[in-house]
Amino acid sequence: MDVAKKYGMIQPGQSNTQAVRAVFVIDPTGTIRTILYYPLSTGRNFDEIKRIVIALQKADSDQVATPANWRPGDDVIVPTAGSCGTAKERMETQNDDQYCLDWFMCFRKEKK
C-alpha cells in the first residue's frame, strides 16, 4: 500500500485498498520512463507493455526514436540534426539505409 500511495495509484474517493490498474516502466537507473493507467474495469494490454519496453531498449541502445505504432524491425527515427550544416549534409547524402522526409524528419531502415 505504501508503494501504491507514493506512486499515486489510489483513486481519489475510493477505498484505501482499491488501486488503479497502473503500469510503471522503470529503467535500471530508477527513472520512470512510462506510466500507463487503466480503469479498474479494463484489463491491461500486455502486447503494448512489451512493445513499450522493447522500444525503450531500442531507443537507448541505438540513440533513435520509435514512431507511432512501431514494432521491432520497423524503421526508426534518426534524431534531429543539431545544426543547419548537418541537416543540409543529411539531405544531400541520403543512402539505402536512411531516408528523409524533410531536414528534420529522417528515418533509418532496420534490417528485417
PDB file of N, CA and C in Angstrom:
ATOM      1  N   MET A   1       0.819  -1.186   0.000  1.00  0.00           N
ATOM      2  CA  MET A   1       0.000   0.000   0.000  1.00  0.00           C
ATOM      3  C   MET A   1       0.874   1.265   0.000  1.00  0.00           C
ATOM      4  N   ASP A   2       2.020   1.207   0.669  1.00  0.00           N
ATOM      5  CA  ASP A   2       2.914   2.369   0.685  1.00  0.00           C
ATOM      6  C   ASP A   2       3.363   2.730  -0.724  1.00  0.00           C
ATOM      7  N   VAL A   3       3.722   1.725  -1.508  1.00  0.00           N
ATOM      8  CA  VAL A   3       4.163   1.976  -2.887  1.00  0.00           C
ATOM      9  C   VAL A   3       3.013   2.561  -3.696  1.00  0.00           C
ATOM     10  N   ALA A   4       1.828   1.998  -3.561  1.00  0.00           N
ATOM     11  CA  ALA A   4       0.663   2.487  -4.293  1.00  0.00           C
ATOM     12  C   ALA A   4       0.389   3.949  -3.968  1.00  0.00           C
ATOM     13  N   LYS A   5       0.513   4.330  -2.707  1.00  0.00           N
ATOM     14  CA  LYS A   5       0.287   5.727  -2.316  1.00  0.00           C
ATOM     15  C   LYS A   5       1.385   6.629  -2.866  1.00  0.00           C
ATOM     16  N   LYS A   6       2.637   6.201  -2.788  1.00  0.00           N
ATOM     17  CA  LYS A   6       3.747   7.028  -3.259  1.00  0.00           C
ATOM     18  C   LYS A   6       3.676   7.292  -4.757  1.00  0.00           C
ATOM     19  N   TYR A   7       3.185   6.318  -5.517  1.00  0.00           N
ATOM     20  CA  TYR A   7       3.108   6.468  -6.967  1.00  0.00           C
ATOM     21  C   TYR A   7       1.739   6.968  -7.444  1.00  0.00           C
ATOM     22  N   GLY A   8       0.875   7.361  -6.519  1.00  0.00           N
ATOM     23  CA  GLY A   8      -0.423   7.919  -6.899  1.00  0.00           C
ATOM     24  C   GLY A   8      -1.360   6.918  -7.527  1.00  0.00           C
ATOM     25  N   MET A   9      -1.313   5.681  -7.054  1.00  0.00           N
ATOM     26  CA  MET A   9      -2.121   4.627  -7.663  1.00  0.00           C
ATOM     27  C   MET A   9      -3.496   4.447  -6.998  1.00  0.00           C
ATOM     28  N   ILE A  10      -3.787   5.212  -5.953  1.00  0.00           N
ATOM     29  CA  ILE A  10      -5.072   5.106  -5.288  1.00  0.00           C
ATOM     30  C   ILE A  10      -6.003   6.168  -5.853  1.00  0.00           C
ATOM     31  N   GLN A  11      -7.153   5.731  -6.343  1.00  0.00           N
ATOM     32  CA  GLN A  11      -8.118   6.659  -6.920  1.00  0.00           C
ATOM     33  C   GLN A  11      -8.705   7.559  -5.833  1.00  0.00           C
ATOM     34  N   PRO A  12      -8.790   8.872  -6.084  1.00  0.00           N
ATOM     35  CA  PRO A  12      -9.435   9.765  -5.117  1.00  0.00           C
ATOM     36  C   PRO A  12     -10.878   9.320  -4.878  1.00  0.00           C
ATOM     37  N   GLY A  13     -11.284   9.324  -3.626  1.00  0.00           N
ATOM     38  CA  GLY A  13     -12.659   8.952  -3.287  1.00  0.00           C
ATOM     39  C   GLY A  13     -12.892   7.455  -3.223  1.00  0.00           C
ATOM     40  N   GLN A  14     -11.882   6.651  -3.474  1.00  0.00           N
ATOM     41  CA  GLN A  14     -12.021   5.206  -3.406  1.00  0.00           C
ATOM     42  C   GLN A  14     -11.549   4.714  -2.047  1.00  0.00           C
ATOM     43  N   SER A  15     -11.741   3.459  -1.800  1.00  0.00           N
ATOM     44  CA  SER A  15     -11.267   2.887  -0.539  1.00  0.00           C
ATOM     45  C   SER A  15      -9.748   2.892  -0.522  1.00  0.00           C
ATOM     46  N   ASN A  16      -9.183   2.679   0.628  1.00  0.00           N
ATOM     47  CA  ASN A  16      -7.724   2.663   0.751  1.00  0.00           C
ATOM     48  C   ASN A  16      -7.095   1.421   0.130  1.00  0.00           C
ATOM     49  N   THR A  17      -7.898   0.485  -0.292  1.00  0.00           N
ATOM     50  CA  THR A  17      -7.339  -0.742  -0.851  1.00  0.00           C
ATOM     51  C   THR A  17      -7.606  -0.895  -2.342  1.00  0.00           C
ATOM     52  N   GLN A  18      -8.336   0.029  -2.925  1.00  0.00           N
ATOM     53  CA  GLN A  18      -8.699  -0.097  -4.337  1.00  0.00           C
ATOM     54  C   GLN A  18      -7.724   0.707  -5.193  1.00  0.00           C
ATOM     55  N   ALA A  19      -6.730   0.033  -5.729  1.00  0.00           N
ATOM     56  CA  ALA A  19      -5.703   0.693  -6.543  1.00  0.00           C
ATOM     57  C   ALA A  19      -6.135   0.774  -7.997  1.00  0.00           C
ATOM     58  N   VAL A  20      -5.568   1.722  -8.696  1.00  0.00           N
ATOM     59  CA  VAL A  20      -5.766   1.849 -10.138  1.00  0.00           C
ATOM     60  C   VAL A  20      -4.941   0.752 -10.804  1.00  0.00           C
ATOM     61  N   ARG A  21      -5.356   0.335 -11.967  1.00  0.00           N
ATOM     62  CA  ARG A  21      -4.514  -0.578 -12.740  1.00  0.00           C
ATOM     63  C   ARG A  21      -3.464   0.287 -13.411  1.00  0.00           C
ATOM     64  N   ALA A  22      -2.295   0.330 -12.833  1.00  0.00           N
ATOM     65  CA  ALA A  22      -1.226   1.180 -13.339  1.00  0.00           C
ATOM     66  C   ALA A  22      -0.013   0.324 -13.660  1.00  0.00           C
ATOM     67  N   VAL A  23       0.685   0.720 -14.709  1.00  0.00           N
ATOM     68  CA  VAL A  23       1.927   0.053 -15.099  1.00  0.00           C
ATOM     69  C   VAL A  23       3.005   1.126 -15.141  1.00  0.00           C
ATOM     70  N   PHE A  24       4.095   0.871 -14.439  1.00  0.00           N
ATOM     71  CA  PHE A  24       5.240   1.774 -14.440  1.00  0.00           C
ATOM     72  C   PHE A  24       6.415   1.019 -15.046  1.00  0.00           C
ATOM     73  N   VAL A  25       7.038   1.598 -16.054  1.00  0.00           N
ATOM     74  CA  VAL A  25       8.271   1.030 -16.599  1.00  0.00           C
ATOM     75  C   VAL A  25       9.399   1.877 -16.027  1.00  0.00           C
ATOM     76  N   ILE A  26      10.229   1.248 -15.197  1.00  0.00           N
ATOM     77  CA  ILE A  26      11.311   1.942 -14.504  1.00  0.00           C
ATOM     78  C   ILE A  26      12.621   1.356 -15.001  1.00  0.00           C
ATOM     79  N   ASP A  27      13.520   2.233 -15.482  1.00  0.00           N
ATOM     80  CA  ASP A  27      14.776   1.749 -16.049  1.00  0.00           C
ATOM     81  C   ASP A  27      15.774   1.379 -14.941  1.00  0.00           C
ATOM     82  N   PRO A  28      16.893   0.777 -15.315  1.00  0.00           N
ATOM     83  CA  PRO A  28      17.877   0.336 -14.309  1.00  0.00           C
ATOM     84  C   PRO A  28      18.435   1.459 -13.438  1.00  0.00           C
ATOM     85  N   THR A  29      18.318   2.718 -13.883  1.00  0.00           N
ATOM     86  CA  THR A  29      18.809   3.826 -13.056  1.00  0.00           C
ATOM     87  C   THR A  29      17.748   4.326 -12.088  1.00  0.00           C
ATOM     88  N   GLY A  30      16.550   3.742 -12.151  1.00  0.00           N
ATOM     89  CA  GLY A  30      15.463   4.151 -11.263  1.00  0.00           C
ATOM     90  C   GLY A  30      14.587   5.245 -11.832  1.00  0.00           C
ATOM     91  N   THR A  31      14.766   5.583 -13.103  1.00  0.00           N
ATOM     92  CA  THR A  31      13.964   6.619 -13.750  1.00  0.00           C
ATOM     93  C   THR A  31      12.678   6.014 -14.307  1.00  0.00           C
ATOM     94  N   ILE A  32      11.556   6.637 -13.979  1.00  0.00           N
ATOM     95  CA  ILE A  32      10.278   6.192 -14.549  1.00  0.00           C
ATOM     96  C   ILE A  32      10.246   6.639 -15.997  1.00  0.00           C
ATOM     97  N   ARG A  33      10.123   5.689 -16.896  1.00  0.00           N
ATOM     98  CA  ARG A  33      10.138   6.001 -18.329  1.00  0.00           C
ATOM     99  C   ARG A  33       8.739   5.995 -18.937  1.00  0.00           C
ATOM    100  N   THR A  34       7.837   5.219 -18.370  1.00  0.00           N
ATOM    101  CA  THR A  34       6.489   5.120 -18.911  1.00  0.00           C
ATOM    102  C   THR A  34       5.522   4.876 -17.767  1.00  0.00           C
ATOM    103  N   ILE A  35       4.374   5.536 -17.840  1.00  0.00           N
ATOM    104  CA  ILE A  35       3.285   5.272 -16.901  1.00  0.00           C
ATOM    105  C   ILE A  35       2.024   5.067 -17.723  1.00  0.00           C
ATOM    106  N   LEU A  36       1.365   3.960 -17.494  1.00  0.00           N
ATOM    107  CA  LEU A  36       0.091   3.673 -18.150  1.00  0.00           C
ATOM    108  C   LEU A  36      -0.959   3.464 -17.064  1.00  0.00           C
ATOM    109  N   TYR A  37      -2.090   4.127 -17.187  1.00  0.00           N
ATOM    110  CA  TYR A  37      -3.187   3.943 -16.250  1.00  0.00           C
ATOM    111  C   TYR A  37      -4.372   3.331 -16.978  1.00  0.00           C
ATOM    112  N   TYR A  38      -4.981   2.354 -16.369  1.00  0.00           N
ATOM    113  CA  TYR A  38      -6.168   1.715 -16.908  1.00  0.00           C
ATOM    114  C   TYR A  38      -7.280   1.798 -15.861  1.00  0.00           C
ATOM    115  N   PRO A  39      -8.520   1.997 -16.265  1.00  0.00           N
ATOM    116  CA  PRO A  39      -9.603   1.939 -15.281  1.00  0.00           C
ATOM    117  C   PRO A  39      -9.714   0.520 -14.720  1.00  0.00           C
ATOM    118  N   LEU A  40     -10.286   0.411 -13.526  1.00  0.00           N
ATOM    119  CA  LEU A  40     -10.419  -0.917 -12.909  1.00  0.00           C
ATOM    120  C   LEU A  40     -11.208  -1.885 -13.782  1.00  0.00           C
ATOM    121  N   SER A  41     -12.077  -1.347 -14.612  1.00  0.00           N
ATOM    122  CA  SER A  41     -12.922  -2.198 -15.455  1.00  0.00           C
ATOM    123  C   SER A  41     -12.224  -2.684 -16.714  1.00  0.00           C
ATOM    124  N   THR A  42     -11.014  -2.200 -16.975  1.00  0.00           N
ATOM    125  CA  THR A  42     -10.326  -2.520 -18.222  1.00  0.00           C
ATOM    126  C   THR A  42      -9.023  -3.257 -17.942  1.00  0.00           C
ATOM    127  N   GLY A  43      -8.849  -4.380 -18.594  1.00  0.00           N
ATOM    128  CA  GLY A  43      -7.607  -5.130 -18.436  1.00  0.00           C
ATOM    129  C   GLY A  43      -6.448  -4.462 -19.152  1.00  0.00           C
ATOM    130  N   ARG A  44      -5.253  -4.815 -18.748  1.00  0.00           N
ATOM    131  CA  ARG A  44      -4.058  -4.245 -19.364  1.00  0.00           C
ATOM    132  C   ARG A  44      -3.759  -4.943 -20.690  1.00  0.00           C
ATOM    133  N   ASN A  45      -3.031  -4.241 -21.550  1.00  0.00           N
ATOM    134  CA  ASN A  45      -2.645  -4.786 -22.845  1.00  0.00           C
ATOM    135  C   ASN A  45      -1.175  -5.182 -22.762  1.00  0.00           C
ATOM    136  N   PHE A  46      -0.910  -6.462 -22.517  1.00  0.00           N
ATOM    137  CA  PHE A  46       0.461  -6.911 -22.318  1.00  0.00           C
ATOM    138  C   PHE A  46       1.295  -6.855 -23.586  1.00  0.00           C
ATOM    139  N   ASP A  47       0.661  -6.960 -24.757  1.00  0.00           N
ATOM    140  CA  ASP A  47       1.403  -6.781 -26.011  1.00  0.00           C
ATOM    141  C   ASP A  47       1.950  -5.357 -26.094  1.00  0.00           C
ATOM    142  N   GLU A  48       1.158  -4.377 -25.695  1.00  0.00           N
ATOM    143  CA  GLU A  48       1.603  -2.982 -25.724  1.00  0.00           C
ATOM    144  C   GLU A  48       2.697  -2.737 -24.688  1.00  0.00           C
ATOM    145  N   ILE A  49       2.570  -3.322 -23.524  1.00  0.00           N
ATOM    146  CA  ILE A  49       3.600  -3.161 -22.490  1.00  0.00           C
ATOM    147  C   ILE A  49       4.928  -3.728 -22.994  1.00  0.00           C
ATOM    148  N   LYS A  50       4.890  -4.893 -23.616  1.00  0.00           N
ATOM    149  CA  LYS A  50       6.110  -5.498 -24.164  1.00  0.00           C
ATOM    150  C   LYS A  50       6.690  -4.620 -25.274  1.00  0.00           C
ATOM    151  N   ARG A  51       5.812  -4.086 -26.139  1.00  0.00           N
ATOM    152  CA  ARG A  51       6.263  -3.211 -27.229  1.00  0.00           C
ATOM    153  C   ARG A  51       6.949  -1.964 -26.668  1.00  0.00           C
ATOM    154  N   ILE A  52       6.405  -1.400 -25.621  1.00  0.00           N
ATOM    155  CA  ILE A  52       6.995  -0.207 -24.995  1.00  0.00           C
ATOM    156  C   ILE A  52       8.386  -0.514 -24.456  1.00  0.00           C
ATOM    157  N   VAL A  53       8.525  -1.629 -23.748  1.00  0.00           N
ATOM    158  CA  VAL A  53       9.830  -1.986 -23.180  1.00  0.00           C
ATOM    159  C   VAL A  53      10.857  -2.187 -24.294  1.00  0.00           C
ATOM    160  N   ILE A  54      10.479  -2.886 -25.358  1.00  0.00           N
ATOM    161  CA  ILE A  54      11.402  -3.118 -26.478  1.00  0.00           C
ATOM    162  C   ILE A  54      11.746  -1.791 -27.159  1.00  0.00           C
ATOM    163  N   ALA A  55      10.758  -0.899 -27.328  1.00  0.00           N
ATOM    164  CA  ALA A  55      11.009   0.404 -27.956  1.00  0.00           C
ATOM    165  C   ALA A  55      11.955   1.254 -27.108  1.00  0.00           C
ATOM    166  N   LEU A  56      11.785   1.234 -25.797  1.00  0.00           N
ATOM    167  CA  LEU A  56      12.694   1.977 -24.920  1.00  0.00           C
ATOM    168  C   LEU A  56      14.112   1.424 -25.010  1.00  0.00           C
ATOM    169  N   GLN A  57      14.230   0.109 -25.035  1.00  0.00           N
ATOM    170  CA  GLN A  57      15.553  -0.513 -25.153  1.00  0.00           C
ATOM    171  C   GLN A  57      16.198  -0.148 -26.488  1.00  0.00           C
ATOM    172  N   LYS A  58      15.411  -0.161 -27.560  1.00  0.00           N
ATOM    173  CA  LYS A  58      15.905   0.206 -28.894  1.00  0.00           C
ATOM    174  C   LYS A  58      16.372   1.655 -28.907  1.00  0.00           C
ATOM    175  N   ALA A  59      15.561   2.549 -28.364  1.00  0.00           N
ATOM    176  CA  ALA A  59      15.908   3.970 -28.332  1.00  0.00           C
ATOM    177  C   ALA A  59      17.199   4.195 -27.558  1.00  0.00           C
ATOM    178  N   ASP A  60      17.346   3.523 -26.439  1.00  0.00           N
ATOM    179  CA  ASP A  60      18.547   3.686 -25.614  1.00  0.00           C
ATOM    180  C   ASP A  60      19.789   3.107 -26.288  1.00  0.00           C
ATOM    181  N   SER A  61      19.656   1.923 -26.862  1.00  0.00           N
ATOM    182  CA  SER A  61      20.837   1.255 -27.426  1.00  0.00           C
ATOM    183  C   SER A  61      21.304   1.892 -28.732  1.00  0.00           C
ATOM    184  N   ASP A  62      20.372   2.401 -29.546  1.00  0.00           N
ATOM    185  CA  ASP A  62      20.721   2.920 -30.872  1.00  0.00           C
ATOM    186  C   ASP A  62      20.601   4.438 -30.997  1.00  0.00           C
ATOM    187  N   GLN A  63      20.239   5.117 -29.901  1.00  0.00           N
ATOM    188  CA  GLN A  63      20.091   6.579 -29.926  1.00  0.00           C
ATOM    189  C   GLN A  63      19.139   7.020 -31.035  1.00  0.00           C
ATOM    190  N   VAL A  64      17.962   6.389 -31.080  1.00  0.00           N
ATOM    191  CA  VAL A  64      16.935   6.712 -32.064  1.00  0.00           C
ATOM    192  C   VAL A  64      15.605   6.905 -31.330  1.00  0.00           C
ATOM    193  N   ALA A  65      14.575   7.237 -32.084  1.00  0.00           N
ATOM    194  CA  ALA A  65      13.218   7.298 -31.554  1.00  0.00           C
ATOM    195  C   ALA A  65      12.368   6.322 -32.360  1.00  0.00           C
ATOM    196  N   THR A  66      11.287   5.884 -31.776  1.00  0.00           N
ATOM    197  CA  THR A  66      10.394   4.981 -32.490  1.00  0.00           C
ATOM    198  C   THR A  66       9.090   5.721 -32.793  1.00  0.00           C
ATOM    199  N   PRO A  67       8.613   5.634 -34.034  1.00  0.00           N
ATOM    200  CA  PRO A  67       7.380   6.334 -34.397  1.00  0.00           C
ATOM    201  C   PRO A  67       6.144   5.628 -33.849  1.00  0.00           C
ATOM    202  N   ALA A  68       4.999   6.268 -34.001  1.00  0.00           N
ATOM    203  CA  ALA A  68       3.725   5.693 -33.580  1.00  0.00           C
ATOM    204  C   ALA A  68       3.542   4.314 -34.205  1.00  0.00           C
ATOM    205  N   ASN A  69       3.022   3.413 -33.424  1.00  0.00           N
ATOM    206  CA  ASN A  69       2.720   2.041 -33.860  1.00  0.00           C
ATOM    207  C   ASN A  69       3.954   1.239 -34.255  1.00  0.00           C
ATOM    208  N   TRP A  70       5.133   1.685 -33.834  1.00  0.00           N
ATOM    209  CA  TRP A  70       6.378   0.992 -34.154  1.00  0.00           C
ATOM    210  C   TRP A  70       6.356  -0.427 -33.603  1.00  0.00           C
ATOM    211  N   ARG A  71       6.911  -1.331 -34.379  1.00  0.00           N
ATOM    212  CA  ARG A  71       7.119  -2.728 -33.975  1.00  0.00           C
ATOM    213  C   ARG A  71       8.573  -3.074 -34.269  1.00  0.00           C
ATOM    214  N   PRO A  72       9.161  -4.014 -33.526  1.00  0.00           N
ATOM    215  CA  PRO A  72      10.547  -4.403 -33.801  1.00  0.00           C
ATOM    216  C   PRO A  72      10.732  -4.757 -35.273  1.00  0.00           C
ATOM    217  N   GLY A  73      11.781  -4.193 -35.868  1.00  0.00           N
ATOM    218  CA  GLY A  73      12.062  -4.404 -37.284  1.00  0.00           C
ATOM    219  C   GLY A  73      11.588  -3.263 -38.164  1.00  0.00           C
ATOM    220  N   ASP A  74      10.674  -2.420 -37.641  1.00  0.00           N
ATOM    221  CA  ASP A  74      10.211  -1.257 -38.402  1.00  0.00           C
ATOM    222  C   ASP A  74      11.298  -0.191 -38.416  1.00  0.00           C
ATOM    223  N   ASP A  75      11.187   0.730 -39.373  1.00  0.00           N
ATOM    224  CA  ASP A  75      12.131   1.838 -39.458  1.00  0.00           C
ATOM    225  C   ASP A  75      12.038   2.705 -38.204  1.00  0.00           C
ATOM    226  N   VAL A  76      13.149   3.339 -37.845  1.00  0.00           N
ATOM    227  CA  VAL A  76      13.212   4.185 -36.657  1.00  0.00           C
ATOM    228  C   VAL A  76      13.531   5.623 -37.063  1.00  0.00           C
ATOM    229  N   ILE A  77      13.271   6.552 -36.165  1.00  0.00           N
ATOM    230  CA  ILE A  77      13.525   7.968 -36.423  1.00  0.00           C
ATOM    231  C   ILE A  77      14.927   8.317 -35.949  1.00  0.00           C
ATOM    232  N   VAL A  78      15.681   8.968 -36.829  1.00  0.00           N
ATOM    233  CA  VAL A  78      17.019   9.433 -36.502  1.00  0.00           C
ATOM    234  C   VAL A  78      16.868  10.781 -35.793  1.00  0.00           C
ATOM    235  N   PRO A  79      17.614  11.024 -34.716  1.00  0.00           N
ATOM    236  CA  PRO A  79      17.485  12.309 -34.018  1.00  0.00           C
ATOM    237  C   PRO A  79      17.678  13.499 -34.962  1.00  0.00           C
ATOM    238  N   THR A  80      17.000  14.593 -34.664  1.00  0.00           N
ATOM    239  CA  THR A  80      17.080  15.806 -35.470  1.00  0.00           C
ATOM    240  C   THR A  80      18.520  16.291 -35.558  1.00  0.00           C
ATOM    241  N   ALA A  81      18.877  16.781 -36.710  1.00  0.00           N
ATOM    242  CA  ALA A  81      20.227  17.315 -36.919  1.00  0.00           C
ATOM    243  C   ALA A  81      20.471  18.473 -35.954  1.00  0.00           C
ATOM    244  N   GLY A  82      21.671  18.562 -35.419  1.00  0.00           N
ATOM    245  CA  GLY A  82      21.994  19.590 -34.440  1.00  0.00           C
ATOM    246  C   GLY A  82      22.371  20.931 -35.037  1.00  0.00           C
ATOM    247  N   SER A  83      22.558  20.986 -36.348  1.00  0.00           N
ATOM    248  CA  SER A  83      22.933  22.256 -36.986  1.00  0.00           C
ATOM    249  C   SER A  83      22.408  22.276 -38.413  1.00  0.00           C
ATOM    250  N   CYS A  84      22.411  23.452 -38.991  1.00  0.00           N
ATOM    251  CA  CYS A  84      21.972  23.594 -40.388  1.00  0.00           C
ATOM    252  C   CYS A  84      22.892  22.835 -41.326  1.00  0.00           C
ATOM    253  N   GLY A  85      24.200  22.867 -41.034  1.00  0.00           N
ATOM    254  CA  GLY A  85      25.160  22.149 -41.866  1.00  0.00           C
ATOM    255  C   GLY A  85      24.908  20.652 -41.850  1.00  0.00           C
ATOM    256  N   THR A  86      24.649  20.107 -40.675  1.00  0.00           N
ATOM    257  CA  THR A  86      24.360  18.676 -40.563  1.00  0.00           C
ATOM    258  C   THR A  86      23.069  18.334 -41.282  1.00  0.00           C
ATOM    259  N   ALA A  87      22.061  19.183 -41.145  1.00  0.00           N
ATOM    260  CA  ALA A  87      20.782  18.948 -41.817  1.00  0.00           C
ATOM    261  C   ALA A  87      20.963  18.961 -43.330  1.00  0.00           C
ATOM    262  N   LYS A  88      21.719  19.922 -43.835  1.00  0.00           N
ATOM    263  CA  LYS A  88      21.970  20.012 -45.283  1.00  0.00           C
ATOM    264  C   LYS A  88      22.713  18.773 -45.771  1.00  0.00           C
ATOM    265  N   GLU A  89      23.735  18.377 -45.043  1.00  0.00           N
ATOM    266  CA  GLU A  89      24.508  17.188 -45.411  1.00  0.00           C
ATOM    267  C   GLU A  89      23.632  15.940 -45.396  1.00  0.00           C
ATOM    268  N   ARG A  90      22.798  15.850 -44.407  1.00  0.00           N
ATOM    269  CA  ARG A  90      21.894  14.699 -44.290  1.00  0.00           C
ATOM    270  C   ARG A  90      20.962  14.606 -45.496  1.00  0.00           C
ATOM    271  N   MET A  91      20.445  15.749 -45.937  1.00  0.00           N
ATOM    272  CA  MET A  91      19.531  15.763 -47.084  1.00  0.00           C
ATOM    273  C   MET A  91      20.254  15.443 -48.391  1.00  0.00           C
ATOM    274  N   GLU A  92      21.519  15.840 -48.487  1.00  0.00           N
ATOM    275  CA  GLU A  92      22.277  15.649 -49.730  1.00  0.00           C
ATOM    276  C   GLU A  92      22.911  14.270 -49.833  1.00  0.00           C
ATOM    277  N   THR A  93      23.073  13.577 -48.735  1.00  0.00           N
ATOM    278  CA  THR A  93      23.795  12.303 -48.757  1.00  0.00           C
ATOM    279  C   THR A  93      22.941  11.145 -48.258  1.00  0.00           C
ATOM    280  N   GLN A  94      21.699  11.119 -48.642  1.00  0.00           N
ATOM    281  CA  GLN A  94      20.848  10.007 -48.233  1.00  0.00           C
ATOM    282  C   GLN A  94      21.340   8.728 -48.904  1.00  0.00           C
ATOM    283  N   ASN A  95      21.169   7.621 -48.202  1.00  0.00           N
ATOM    284  CA  ASN A  95      21.634   6.346 -48.742  1.00  0.00           C
ATOM    285  C   ASN A  95      20.536   5.295 -48.604  1.00  0.00           C
ATOM    286  N   ASP A  96      20.863   4.057 -48.900  1.00  0.00           N
ATOM    287  CA  ASP A  96      19.868   2.991 -48.854  1.00  0.00           C
ATOM    288  C   ASP A  96      19.367   2.706 -47.442  1.00  0.00           C
ATOM    289  N   ASP A  97      20.174   3.035 -46.438  1.00  0.00           N
ATOM    290  CA  ASP A  97      19.795   2.744 -45.058  1.00  0.00           C
ATOM    291  C   ASP A  97      19.028   3.884 -44.393  1.00  0.00           C
ATOM    292  N   GLN A  98      19.083   5.078 -44.966  1.00  0.00           N
ATOM    293  CA  GLN A  98      18.454   6.233 -44.339  1.00  0.00           C
ATOM    294  C   GLN A  98      17.739   7.074 -45.380  1.00  0.00           C
ATOM    295  N   TYR A  99      16.578   7.589 -45.032  1.00  0.00           N
ATOM    296  CA  TYR A  99      15.833   8.473 -45.918  1.00  0.00           C
ATOM    297  C   TYR A  99      15.199   9.580 -45.086  1.00  0.00           C
ATOM    298  N   CYS A 100      15.030  10.738 -45.719  1.00  0.00           N
ATOM    299  CA  CYS A 100      14.491  11.904 -45.033  1.00  0.00           C
ATOM    300  C   CYS A 100      13.233  12.397 -45.739  1.00  0.00           C
ATOM    301  N   LEU A 101      12.223  12.708 -44.945  1.00  0.00           N
ATOM    302  CA  LEU A 101      11.022  13.334 -45.490  1.00  0.00           C
ATOM    303  C   LEU A 101      11.210  14.841 -45.571  1.00  0.00           C
ATOM    304  N   ASP A 102      12.027  15.369 -44.691  1.00  0.00           N
ATOM    305  CA  ASP A 102      12.417  16.774 -44.658  1.00  0.00           C
ATOM    306  C   ASP A 102      13.669  16.855 -43.794  1.00  0.00           C
ATOM    307  N   TRP A 103      14.277  18.017 -43.666  1.00  0.00           N
ATOM    308  CA  TRP A 103      15.544  18.143 -42.947  1.00  0.00           C
ATOM    309  C   TRP A 103      15.426  17.704 -41.486  1.00  0.00           C
ATOM    310  N   PHE A 104      14.249  17.819 -40.917  1.00  0.00           N
ATOM    311  CA  PHE A 104      14.066  17.492 -39.507  1.00  0.00           C
ATOM    312  C   PHE A 104      13.479  16.096 -39.274  1.00  0.00           C
ATOM    313  N   MET A 105      13.123  15.378 -40.325  1.00  0.00           N
ATOM    314  CA  MET A 105      12.456  14.082 -40.164  1.00  0.00           C
ATOM    315  C   MET A 105      13.121  13.028 -41.024  1.00  0.00           C
ATOM    316  N   CYS A 106      14.101  12.334 -40.420  1.00  0.00           N
ATOM    317  CA  CYS A 106      14.822  11.284 -41.130  1.00  0.00           C
ATOM    318  C   CYS A 106      14.592   9.946 -40.449  1.00  0.00           C
ATOM    319  N   PHE A 107      14.549   8.923 -41.251  1.00  0.00           N
ATOM    320  CA  PHE A 107      14.345   7.566 -40.773  1.00  0.00           C
ATOM    321  C   PHE A 107      15.521   6.695 -41.159  1.00  0.00           C
ATOM    322  N   ARG A 108      15.762   5.671 -40.368  1.00  0.00           N
ATOM    323  CA  ARG A 108      16.759   4.664 -40.699  1.00  0.00           C
ATOM    324  C   ARG A 108      16.022   3.351 -40.892  1.00  0.00           C
ATOM    325  N   LYS A 109      16.311   2.704 -42.017  1.00  0.00           N
ATOM    326  CA  LYS A 109      15.694   1.424 -42.297  1.00  0.00           C
ATOM    327  C   LYS A 109      16.347   0.366 -41.398  1.00  0.00           C
ATOM    328  N   GLU A 110      15.520  -0.446 -40.803  1.00  0.00           N
ATOM    329  CA  GLU A 110      16.012  -1.527 -39.961  1.00  0.00           C
ATOM    330  C   GLU A 110      16.136  -2.789 -40.799  1.00  0.00           C
ATOM    331  N   LYS A 111      17.091  -3.588 -40.445  1.00  0.00           N
ATOM    332  CA  LYS A 111      17.292  -4.846 -41.161  1.00  0.00           C
ATOM    333  C   LYS A 111      16.279  -5.851 -40.629  1.00  0.00           C
ATOM    334  N   LYS A 112      15.496  -6.398 -41.534  1.00  0.00           N
ATOM    335  CA  LYS A 112      14.427  -7.329 -41.123  1.00  0.00           C
ATOM    336  C   LYS A 112      14.852  -8.760 -41.273  1.00  0.00           C
TER     337      LYS A 112
END
